[in-house]
């Protein structure tokens, strides 16, 4: 559903820009087809966001990058999975200098990350579900960080610092964002 451009258009630059009624429809559909509690809404939307972005990435990788220096070929290219007007919009967007500069910045930023997760292609949502089943509660961000990083002296030290920082905040004042 998340990769269906007829339901979730690809013309938005990010999932956050998508109209609220589409996200509400998505959540309604998910609730009708599952037994998910209301608390799972943010996880479901996060999962759909990842799948939607991955779909756009695969479209760009398969249909844009090989032909980006051949404008004639790009004009002729049609993709059955995506409405033609959306694909043309994406091509024009991907060709913008600002978009290409942002993509280059993102590539450089990712190269600077220190604490890479070791989940491979496993979505974070799957890890959250696993922790939920084991612990019986929705995991905090620090729980997910701990579960998804290899144990090294550097990560162990960072986790210790994060837990110490959180412990200094009175329990009544702790929020999900803090943890």
N, C-alpha and C. Protein backbone atom coordinates (compact mmCIF):
# COMPACT_ATOMS: atom_id res chain seq x y z
N UNK A 1 0.81 -1.19 0.00
CA UNK A 1 0.00 0.00 0.00
C UNK A 1 0.86 1.26 0.00
N UNK A 2 1.93 1.27 0.80
CA UNK A 2 2.78 2.46 0.90
C UNK A 2 3.53 2.74 -0.39
N UNK A 3 3.76 1.72 -1.19
CA UNK A 3 4.50 1.91 -2.45
C UNK A 3 3.57 2.10 -3.64
N UNK A 4 2.29 2.18 -3.38
CA UNK A 4 1.32 2.38 -4.45
C UNK A 4 1.15 3.87 -4.69
N UNK A 5 1.71 4.36 -5.79
CA UNK A 5 1.69 5.80 -6.09
C UNK A 5 0.28 6.30 -6.39
N UNK A 6 -0.63 5.40 -6.67
CA UNK A 6 -2.01 5.82 -6.91
C UNK A 6 -2.72 6.13 -5.58
N UNK A 7 -2.25 5.53 -4.49
CA UNK A 7 -2.83 5.78 -3.17
C UNK A 7 -2.01 6.84 -2.42
N UNK A 8 -0.68 6.67 -2.44
CA UNK A 8 0.22 7.62 -1.78
C UNK A 8 1.12 8.25 -2.82
N UNK A 9 0.73 9.41 -3.34
CA UNK A 9 1.47 10.05 -4.43
C UNK A 9 2.93 10.30 -4.09
N UNK A 10 3.76 10.24 -5.11
CA UNK A 10 5.20 10.43 -4.95
C UNK A 10 5.63 11.88 -5.16
N UNK A 11 4.67 12.76 -5.34
CA UNK A 11 5.01 14.15 -5.65
C UNK A 11 5.40 14.96 -4.41
N UNK A 12 5.26 14.37 -3.23
CA UNK A 12 5.64 15.06 -2.01
C UNK A 12 7.12 14.82 -1.73
N UNK A 13 7.82 15.86 -1.29
CA UNK A 13 9.26 15.73 -1.05
C UNK A 13 9.55 14.91 0.19
N UNK A 14 8.60 14.83 1.12
CA UNK A 14 8.78 13.99 2.30
C UNK A 14 7.41 13.53 2.78
N UNK A 15 7.43 12.50 3.60
CA UNK A 15 6.19 11.95 4.15
C UNK A 15 5.49 12.99 5.01
N UNK A 16 6.26 13.88 5.65
CA UNK A 16 5.69 14.94 6.49
C UNK A 16 4.86 15.93 5.69
N UNK A 17 5.14 16.04 4.39
CA UNK A 17 4.41 16.98 3.54
C UNK A 17 3.10 16.40 3.02
N UNK A 18 2.89 15.11 3.23
CA UNK A 18 1.70 14.45 2.74
C UNK A 18 0.47 14.98 3.49
N UNK A 19 -0.64 15.20 2.79
CA UNK A 19 -1.84 15.71 3.46
C UNK A 19 -2.30 14.78 4.58
N UNK A 20 -2.80 15.38 5.64
CA UNK A 20 -3.22 14.62 6.82
C UNK A 20 -4.31 13.60 6.49
N UNK A 21 -5.20 13.94 5.55
CA UNK A 21 -6.29 13.01 5.26
C UNK A 21 -5.76 11.69 4.69
N UNK A 22 -4.64 11.73 3.96
CA UNK A 22 -4.05 10.49 3.45
C UNK A 22 -3.49 9.64 4.59
N UNK A 23 -2.85 10.30 5.54
CA UNK A 23 -2.31 9.58 6.70
C UNK A 23 -3.43 9.01 7.57
N UNK A 24 -4.51 9.78 7.71
CA UNK A 24 -5.66 9.29 8.47
C UNK A 24 -6.29 8.08 7.79
N UNK A 25 -6.40 8.14 6.45
CA UNK A 25 -6.93 7.00 5.70
C UNK A 25 -6.05 5.77 5.87
N UNK A 26 -4.75 5.99 5.86
CA UNK A 26 -3.79 4.90 6.04
C UNK A 26 -3.99 4.25 7.41
N UNK A 27 -4.08 5.06 8.44
CA UNK A 27 -4.25 4.52 9.79
C UNK A 27 -5.59 3.80 9.91
N UNK A 28 -6.64 4.35 9.33
CA UNK A 28 -7.96 3.69 9.36
C UNK A 28 -7.89 2.33 8.69
N UNK A 29 -7.22 2.27 7.55
CA UNK A 29 -7.06 1.00 6.83
C UNK A 29 -6.29 -0.01 7.67
N UNK A 30 -5.22 0.44 8.31
CA UNK A 30 -4.41 -0.44 9.14
C UNK A 30 -5.23 -0.97 10.32
N UNK A 31 -6.03 -0.12 10.94
CA UNK A 31 -6.84 -0.54 12.08
C UNK A 31 -7.92 -1.54 11.67
N UNK A 32 -8.50 -1.33 10.47
CA UNK A 32 -9.55 -2.23 10.00
C UNK A 32 -9.01 -3.63 9.72
N UNK A 33 -7.75 -3.72 9.32
CA UNK A 33 -7.18 -5.00 8.90
C UNK A 33 -6.32 -5.67 9.96
N UNK A 34 -6.20 -5.06 11.13
CA UNK A 34 -5.36 -5.63 12.19
C UNK A 34 -6.03 -5.43 13.54
N UNK A 35 -5.36 -5.88 14.57
CA UNK A 35 -5.86 -5.66 15.94
C UNK A 35 -4.94 -4.71 16.68
N UNK A 36 -4.33 -3.79 15.95
CA UNK A 36 -3.37 -2.87 16.55
C UNK A 36 -4.05 -1.90 17.50
N UNK A 37 -3.41 -1.63 18.64
CA UNK A 37 -3.95 -0.62 19.56
C UNK A 37 -3.63 0.79 19.04
N UNK A 38 -4.31 1.76 19.57
CA UNK A 38 -4.11 3.16 19.16
C UNK A 38 -2.66 3.60 19.36
N UNK A 39 -1.99 3.04 20.37
CA UNK A 39 -0.60 3.40 20.66
C UNK A 39 0.35 3.03 19.52
N UNK A 40 -0.07 2.14 18.65
CA UNK A 40 0.79 1.69 17.56
C UNK A 40 0.77 2.63 16.36
N UNK A 41 -0.07 3.64 16.39
CA UNK A 41 -0.24 4.52 15.23
C UNK A 41 1.09 5.11 14.77
N UNK A 42 1.88 5.65 15.69
CA UNK A 42 3.14 6.28 15.28
C UNK A 42 4.08 5.26 14.66
N UNK A 43 4.07 4.03 15.16
CA UNK A 43 4.93 2.98 14.60
C UNK A 43 4.47 2.59 13.20
N UNK A 44 3.17 2.50 13.01
CA UNK A 44 2.62 2.14 11.70
C UNK A 44 2.96 3.22 10.69
N UNK A 45 2.75 4.48 11.06
CA UNK A 45 3.07 5.58 10.15
C UNK A 45 4.56 5.64 9.86
N UNK A 46 5.38 5.36 10.86
CA UNK A 46 6.83 5.34 10.67
C UNK A 46 7.22 4.24 9.68
N UNK A 47 6.59 3.07 9.82
CA UNK A 47 6.87 1.95 8.93
C UNK A 47 6.45 2.29 7.50
N UNK A 48 5.27 2.89 7.33
CA UNK A 48 4.83 3.29 6.00
C UNK A 48 5.74 4.36 5.41
N UNK A 49 6.20 5.27 6.25
CA UNK A 49 7.13 6.30 5.79
C UNK A 49 8.38 5.64 5.21
N UNK A 50 8.94 4.67 5.93
CA UNK A 50 10.15 3.98 5.45
C UNK A 50 9.89 3.26 4.14
N UNK A 51 8.77 2.58 4.03
CA UNK A 51 8.44 1.85 2.81
C UNK A 51 8.20 2.82 1.65
N UNK A 52 7.56 3.94 1.92
CA UNK A 52 7.29 4.95 0.89
C UNK A 52 8.61 5.54 0.38
N UNK A 53 9.51 5.89 1.31
CA UNK A 53 10.83 6.42 0.92
C UNK A 53 11.63 5.38 0.16
N UNK A 54 11.59 4.13 0.61
CA UNK A 54 12.33 3.06 -0.06
C UNK A 54 11.82 2.88 -1.48
N UNK A 55 10.51 2.97 -1.65
CA UNK A 55 9.92 2.86 -2.99
C UNK A 55 10.41 3.97 -3.91
N UNK A 56 10.48 5.19 -3.39
CA UNK A 56 10.98 6.32 -4.19
C UNK A 56 12.46 6.11 -4.53
N UNK A 57 13.22 5.62 -3.56
CA UNK A 57 14.64 5.37 -3.78
C UNK A 57 14.84 4.33 -4.88
N UNK A 58 14.08 3.23 -4.82
CA UNK A 58 14.21 2.18 -5.83
C UNK A 58 13.80 2.68 -7.21
N UNK A 59 12.78 3.50 -7.26
CA UNK A 59 12.35 4.10 -8.53
C UNK A 59 13.46 4.96 -9.12
N UNK A 60 14.07 5.78 -8.27
CA UNK A 60 15.17 6.64 -8.73
C UNK A 60 16.35 5.81 -9.20
N UNK A 61 16.69 4.80 -8.43
CA UNK A 61 17.84 3.95 -8.75
C UNK A 61 17.63 3.19 -10.06
N UNK A 62 16.44 2.68 -10.28
CA UNK A 62 16.19 1.84 -11.45
C UNK A 62 15.86 2.62 -12.71
N UNK A 63 15.11 3.71 -12.56
CA UNK A 63 14.60 4.39 -13.75
C UNK A 63 15.19 5.77 -14.01
N UNK A 64 15.80 6.39 -13.01
CA UNK A 64 16.34 7.73 -13.23
C UNK A 64 17.85 7.73 -13.40
N UNK A 65 18.57 7.18 -12.44
CA UNK A 65 20.03 7.24 -12.47
C UNK A 65 20.66 6.70 -13.76
N UNK A 66 20.20 5.56 -14.27
CA UNK A 66 20.85 5.06 -15.49
C UNK A 66 20.67 5.99 -16.70
N UNK A 67 19.64 6.82 -16.67
CA UNK A 67 19.34 7.65 -17.84
C UNK A 67 19.44 9.15 -17.57
N UNK A 68 19.96 9.55 -16.42
CA UNK A 68 19.93 10.97 -16.07
C UNK A 68 20.76 11.83 -17.01
N UNK A 69 21.74 11.26 -17.67
CA UNK A 69 22.55 12.04 -18.62
C UNK A 69 22.08 11.87 -20.05
N UNK A 70 20.94 11.24 -20.24
CA UNK A 70 20.37 11.03 -21.57
C UNK A 70 18.94 11.57 -21.58
N UNK A 71 18.79 12.90 -21.78
CA UNK A 71 17.47 13.53 -21.69
C UNK A 71 16.44 12.92 -22.65
N UNK A 72 16.87 12.50 -23.82
CA UNK A 72 15.93 11.92 -24.78
C UNK A 72 15.36 10.60 -24.26
N UNK A 73 16.22 9.78 -23.69
CA UNK A 73 15.78 8.50 -23.14
C UNK A 73 14.83 8.73 -21.96
N UNK A 74 15.13 9.73 -21.12
CA UNK A 74 14.26 10.04 -19.99
C UNK A 74 12.88 10.48 -20.45
N UNK A 75 12.82 11.23 -21.54
CA UNK A 75 11.53 11.69 -22.06
C UNK A 75 10.67 10.52 -22.51
N UNK A 76 11.31 9.49 -23.05
CA UNK A 76 10.59 8.33 -23.58
C UNK A 76 10.22 7.31 -22.51
N UNK A 77 10.89 7.37 -21.38
CA UNK A 77 10.73 6.36 -20.35
C UNK A 77 9.37 6.44 -19.69
N UNK A 78 8.71 5.32 -19.57
CA UNK A 78 7.45 5.25 -18.82
C UNK A 78 7.57 4.14 -17.79
N UNK A 79 6.95 4.35 -16.69
CA UNK A 79 6.99 3.39 -15.60
C UNK A 79 5.55 2.99 -15.29
N UNK A 80 5.25 1.72 -15.45
CA UNK A 80 3.87 1.25 -15.26
C UNK A 80 3.40 1.38 -13.81
N UNK A 81 4.32 1.35 -12.88
CA UNK A 81 3.96 1.37 -11.46
C UNK A 81 3.55 2.75 -10.96
N UNK A 82 3.85 3.77 -11.75
CA UNK A 82 3.66 5.15 -11.31
C UNK A 82 2.91 5.92 -12.41
N UNK A 83 1.93 6.75 -12.04
CA UNK A 83 1.29 7.58 -13.05
C UNK A 83 2.34 8.45 -13.76
N UNK A 84 2.20 8.58 -15.06
CA UNK A 84 3.20 9.27 -15.88
C UNK A 84 3.47 10.69 -15.38
N UNK A 85 2.42 11.42 -15.00
CA UNK A 85 2.62 12.80 -14.53
C UNK A 85 3.45 12.84 -13.25
N UNK A 86 3.28 11.84 -12.37
CA UNK A 86 4.08 11.79 -11.15
C UNK A 86 5.54 11.48 -11.48
N UNK A 87 5.76 10.57 -12.41
CA UNK A 87 7.13 10.22 -12.78
C UNK A 87 7.84 11.43 -13.40
N UNK A 88 7.14 12.15 -14.27
CA UNK A 88 7.74 13.34 -14.89
C UNK A 88 8.07 14.38 -13.81
N UNK A 89 7.18 14.53 -12.85
CA UNK A 89 7.43 15.46 -11.75
C UNK A 89 8.68 15.05 -10.98
N UNK A 90 8.79 13.77 -10.66
CA UNK A 90 9.96 13.27 -9.94
C UNK A 90 11.25 13.50 -10.72
N UNK A 91 11.22 13.23 -12.02
CA UNK A 91 12.41 13.43 -12.85
C UNK A 91 12.83 14.89 -12.81
N UNK A 92 11.86 15.79 -12.97
CA UNK A 92 12.18 17.23 -12.91
C UNK A 92 12.74 17.60 -11.54
N UNK A 93 12.17 17.04 -10.49
CA UNK A 93 12.64 17.32 -9.13
C UNK A 93 14.06 16.79 -8.93
N UNK A 94 14.32 15.57 -9.36
CA UNK A 94 15.64 14.96 -9.18
C UNK A 94 16.71 15.67 -10.00
N UNK A 95 16.30 16.36 -11.07
CA UNK A 95 17.27 17.07 -11.91
C UNK A 95 17.64 18.44 -11.36
N UNK A 96 16.86 18.95 -10.42
CA UNK A 96 17.14 20.28 -9.85
C UNK A 96 18.51 20.29 -9.18
N UNK A 97 19.24 21.38 -9.37
CA UNK A 97 20.56 21.51 -8.77
C UNK A 97 20.46 21.42 -7.25
N UNK A 98 19.45 22.07 -6.67
CA UNK A 98 19.28 22.05 -5.21
C UNK A 98 19.06 20.62 -4.70
N UNK A 99 18.29 19.86 -5.43
CA UNK A 99 18.02 18.47 -5.03
C UNK A 99 19.28 17.64 -5.10
N UNK A 100 20.06 17.83 -6.16
CA UNK A 100 21.31 17.08 -6.31
C UNK A 100 22.32 17.47 -5.23
N UNK A 101 22.36 18.76 -4.89
CA UNK A 101 23.27 19.21 -3.82
C UNK A 101 22.85 18.61 -2.48
N UNK A 102 21.54 18.58 -2.23
CA UNK A 102 21.04 17.99 -0.98
C UNK A 102 21.38 16.50 -0.92
N UNK A 103 21.23 15.80 -2.03
CA UNK A 103 21.56 14.37 -2.07
C UNK A 103 23.04 14.16 -1.78
N UNK A 104 23.88 15.03 -2.31
CA UNK A 104 25.32 14.92 -2.07
C UNK A 104 25.64 15.18 -0.60
N UNK A 105 25.00 16.20 -0.01
CA UNK A 105 25.18 16.49 1.41
C UNK A 105 24.76 15.30 2.26
N UNK A 106 23.62 14.71 1.92
CA UNK A 106 23.13 13.55 2.67
C UNK A 106 24.12 12.39 2.60
N UNK A 107 24.69 12.17 1.42
CA UNK A 107 25.68 11.11 1.25
C UNK A 107 26.89 11.37 2.14
N UNK A 108 27.35 12.61 2.17
CA UNK A 108 28.50 12.96 3.01
C UNK A 108 28.17 12.83 4.50
N UNK A 109 26.97 13.24 4.88
CA UNK A 109 26.57 13.15 6.29
C UNK A 109 26.48 11.69 6.75
N UNK A 110 25.93 10.85 5.91
CA UNK A 110 25.82 9.43 6.27
C UNK A 110 27.20 8.82 6.44
N UNK A 111 28.15 9.26 5.62
CA UNK A 111 29.52 8.74 5.72
C UNK A 111 30.17 9.12 7.06
N UNK A 112 29.67 10.16 7.72
CA UNK A 112 30.24 10.62 8.98
C UNK A 112 29.60 9.97 10.21
N UNK A 113 28.55 9.19 10.02
CA UNK A 113 27.89 8.56 11.17
C UNK A 113 28.86 7.64 11.90
N UNK A 114 28.82 7.69 13.22
CA UNK A 114 29.72 6.88 14.03
C UNK A 114 29.08 5.57 14.47
N UNK A 115 27.84 5.63 14.86
CA UNK A 115 27.20 4.47 15.49
C UNK A 115 26.17 3.85 14.54
N UNK A 116 26.66 3.10 13.58
CA UNK A 116 25.78 2.45 12.61
C UNK A 116 25.07 1.27 13.25
N UNK A 117 23.80 1.11 12.89
CA UNK A 117 23.07 -0.05 13.42
C UNK A 117 23.50 -1.31 12.68
N UNK A 118 23.21 -2.43 13.27
CA UNK A 118 23.57 -3.71 12.67
C UNK A 118 22.33 -4.51 12.29
N UNK A 119 21.27 -3.81 11.89
CA UNK A 119 20.03 -4.48 11.54
C UNK A 119 19.99 -4.93 10.08
N UNK A 120 20.90 -4.43 9.28
CA UNK A 120 20.85 -4.77 7.85
C UNK A 120 19.57 -4.21 7.25
N UNK A 121 18.83 -5.05 6.55
CA UNK A 121 17.60 -4.61 5.90
C UNK A 121 16.37 -4.76 6.81
N UNK A 122 16.58 -5.20 8.04
CA UNK A 122 15.47 -5.35 8.98
C UNK A 122 14.98 -3.97 9.40
N UNK A 123 13.70 -3.68 9.18
CA UNK A 123 13.19 -2.37 9.59
C UNK A 123 13.23 -2.20 11.11
N UNK A 124 13.42 -0.98 11.54
CA UNK A 124 13.42 -0.66 12.97
C UNK A 124 12.09 -1.10 13.60
N UNK A 125 11.02 -0.98 12.83
CA UNK A 125 9.71 -1.37 13.35
C UNK A 125 9.70 -2.84 13.76
N UNK A 126 10.38 -3.70 13.01
CA UNK A 126 10.45 -5.12 13.37
C UNK A 126 11.16 -5.29 14.71
N UNK A 127 12.22 -4.52 14.91
CA UNK A 127 12.93 -4.58 16.19
C UNK A 127 12.02 -4.09 17.32
N UNK A 128 11.25 -3.03 17.06
CA UNK A 128 10.33 -2.52 18.08
C UNK A 128 9.29 -3.58 18.45
N UNK A 129 8.78 -4.30 17.44
CA UNK A 129 7.81 -5.36 17.70
C UNK A 129 8.43 -6.46 18.56
N UNK A 130 9.67 -6.82 18.23
CA UNK A 130 10.37 -7.88 18.98
C UNK A 130 10.54 -7.47 20.44
N UNK A 131 10.99 -6.24 20.66
CA UNK A 131 11.18 -5.75 22.04
C UNK A 131 9.83 -5.69 22.76
N UNK A 132 8.79 -5.26 22.06
CA UNK A 132 7.45 -5.20 22.65
C UNK A 132 7.00 -6.59 23.11
N UNK A 133 7.22 -7.60 22.28
CA UNK A 133 6.83 -8.96 22.65
C UNK A 133 7.62 -9.48 23.85
N UNK A 134 8.90 -9.17 23.89
CA UNK A 134 9.76 -9.66 24.97
C UNK A 134 9.49 -8.92 26.28
N UNK A 135 9.43 -7.59 26.21
CA UNK A 135 9.32 -6.79 27.43
C UNK A 135 7.88 -6.42 27.80
N UNK A 136 6.95 -6.56 26.84
CA UNK A 136 5.56 -6.25 27.12
C UNK A 136 5.24 -4.77 27.15
N UNK A 137 6.15 -3.93 26.68
CA UNK A 137 5.90 -2.48 26.60
C UNK A 137 6.60 -1.93 25.37
N UNK A 138 6.09 -0.79 24.89
CA UNK A 138 6.73 -0.18 23.73
C UNK A 138 8.12 0.30 24.12
N UNK A 139 9.12 -0.01 23.31
CA UNK A 139 10.50 0.34 23.66
C UNK A 139 10.76 1.84 23.52
N UNK A 140 11.66 2.32 24.35
CA UNK A 140 12.09 3.72 24.26
C UNK A 140 13.14 3.83 23.16
N UNK A 141 13.50 5.04 22.82
CA UNK A 141 14.52 5.25 21.79
C UNK A 141 15.87 4.69 22.23
N UNK A 142 16.18 4.81 23.52
CA UNK A 142 17.46 4.27 24.00
C UNK A 142 17.44 2.73 23.95
N UNK A 143 16.28 2.11 24.21
CA UNK A 143 16.18 0.65 24.09
C UNK A 143 16.47 0.22 22.65
N UNK A 144 15.91 0.93 21.70
CA UNK A 144 16.12 0.60 20.29
C UNK A 144 17.58 0.83 19.92
N UNK A 145 18.16 1.92 20.40
CA UNK A 145 19.57 2.18 20.13
C UNK A 145 20.43 1.03 20.64
N UNK A 146 20.18 0.61 21.88
CA UNK A 146 20.97 -0.48 22.49
C UNK A 146 20.81 -1.78 21.72
N UNK A 147 19.59 -2.09 21.32
CA UNK A 147 19.32 -3.35 20.62
C UNK A 147 19.87 -3.38 19.20
N UNK A 148 20.07 -2.21 18.61
CA UNK A 148 20.42 -2.17 17.19
C UNK A 148 21.88 -1.83 16.90
N UNK A 149 22.69 -1.68 17.92
CA UNK A 149 24.10 -1.34 17.72
C UNK A 149 24.98 -2.47 18.21
N UNK A 150 26.11 -2.69 17.53
CA UNK A 150 27.04 -3.71 18.03
C UNK A 150 27.65 -3.24 19.35
N UNK A 151 27.95 -4.18 20.22
CA UNK A 151 28.53 -3.84 21.52
C UNK A 151 30.03 -3.64 21.34
N UNK A 152 30.42 -2.39 21.46
CA UNK A 152 31.84 -2.02 21.40
C UNK A 152 32.10 -1.14 22.61
N UNK A 153 33.35 -0.93 22.96
CA UNK A 153 33.63 -0.02 24.08
C UNK A 153 33.04 1.37 23.84
N UNK A 154 33.09 1.83 22.59
CA UNK A 154 32.58 3.17 22.27
C UNK A 154 31.06 3.25 22.46
N UNK A 155 30.32 2.26 21.94
CA UNK A 155 28.86 2.29 22.10
C UNK A 155 28.47 2.06 23.56
N UNK A 156 29.18 1.18 24.25
CA UNK A 156 28.88 0.93 25.67
C UNK A 156 29.05 2.21 26.48
N UNK A 157 30.09 2.97 26.20
CA UNK A 157 30.34 4.23 26.89
C UNK A 157 29.22 5.23 26.60
N UNK A 158 28.81 5.32 25.34
CA UNK A 158 27.75 6.25 24.96
C UNK A 158 26.43 5.87 25.65
N UNK A 159 26.10 4.59 25.65
CA UNK A 159 24.87 4.13 26.29
C UNK A 159 24.90 4.45 27.79
N UNK A 160 26.04 4.24 28.42
CA UNK A 160 26.19 4.56 29.85
C UNK A 160 25.94 6.05 30.08
N UNK A 161 26.53 6.91 29.23
CA UNK A 161 26.34 8.35 29.36
C UNK A 161 24.87 8.73 29.17
N UNK A 162 24.19 8.12 28.18
CA UNK A 162 22.78 8.43 27.94
C UNK A 162 21.94 8.03 29.15
N UNK A 163 22.18 6.85 29.69
CA UNK A 163 21.40 6.38 30.85
C UNK A 163 21.66 7.27 32.07
N UNK A 164 22.91 7.71 32.26
CA UNK A 164 23.22 8.61 33.38
C UNK A 164 22.50 9.95 33.21
N UNK A 165 22.48 10.47 32.00
CA UNK A 165 21.79 11.74 31.74
C UNK A 165 20.30 11.61 32.03
N UNK A 166 19.71 10.51 31.59
CA UNK A 166 18.28 10.29 31.83
C UNK A 166 18.00 10.13 33.32
N UNK A 167 18.88 9.44 34.03
CA UNK A 167 18.65 9.19 35.46
C UNK A 167 18.66 10.48 36.28
N UNK A 168 19.29 11.53 35.76
CA UNK A 168 19.33 12.81 36.48
C UNK A 168 18.00 13.56 36.39
N UNK A 169 17.15 13.16 35.46
CA UNK A 169 15.84 13.81 35.30
C UNK A 169 14.84 13.06 36.17
N UNK A 170 14.09 13.78 37.01
CA UNK A 170 13.09 13.11 37.85
C UNK A 170 12.13 12.29 36.99
N UNK A 171 11.76 11.11 37.48
CA UNK A 171 10.93 10.20 36.70
C UNK A 171 9.62 10.83 36.25
N UNK A 172 9.04 11.69 37.08
CA UNK A 172 7.77 12.33 36.74
C UNK A 172 7.92 13.29 35.56
N UNK A 173 9.14 13.76 35.29
CA UNK A 173 9.37 14.72 34.22
C UNK A 173 9.88 14.07 32.93
N UNK A 174 10.10 12.78 32.95
CA UNK A 174 10.63 12.09 31.77
C UNK A 174 9.54 11.93 30.72
N UNK A 175 9.92 12.17 29.48
CA UNK A 175 9.00 12.01 28.36
C UNK A 175 9.54 10.94 27.43
N UNK A 176 8.71 10.51 26.48
CA UNK A 176 9.15 9.51 25.50
C UNK A 176 10.31 10.06 24.67
N UNK A 177 10.28 11.36 24.38
CA UNK A 177 11.35 11.98 23.59
C UNK A 177 12.68 11.94 24.34
N UNK A 178 12.62 12.12 25.65
CA UNK A 178 13.83 12.10 26.46
C UNK A 178 14.45 10.71 26.45
N UNK A 179 13.61 9.71 26.61
CA UNK A 179 14.11 8.35 26.67
C UNK A 179 14.30 7.81 25.28
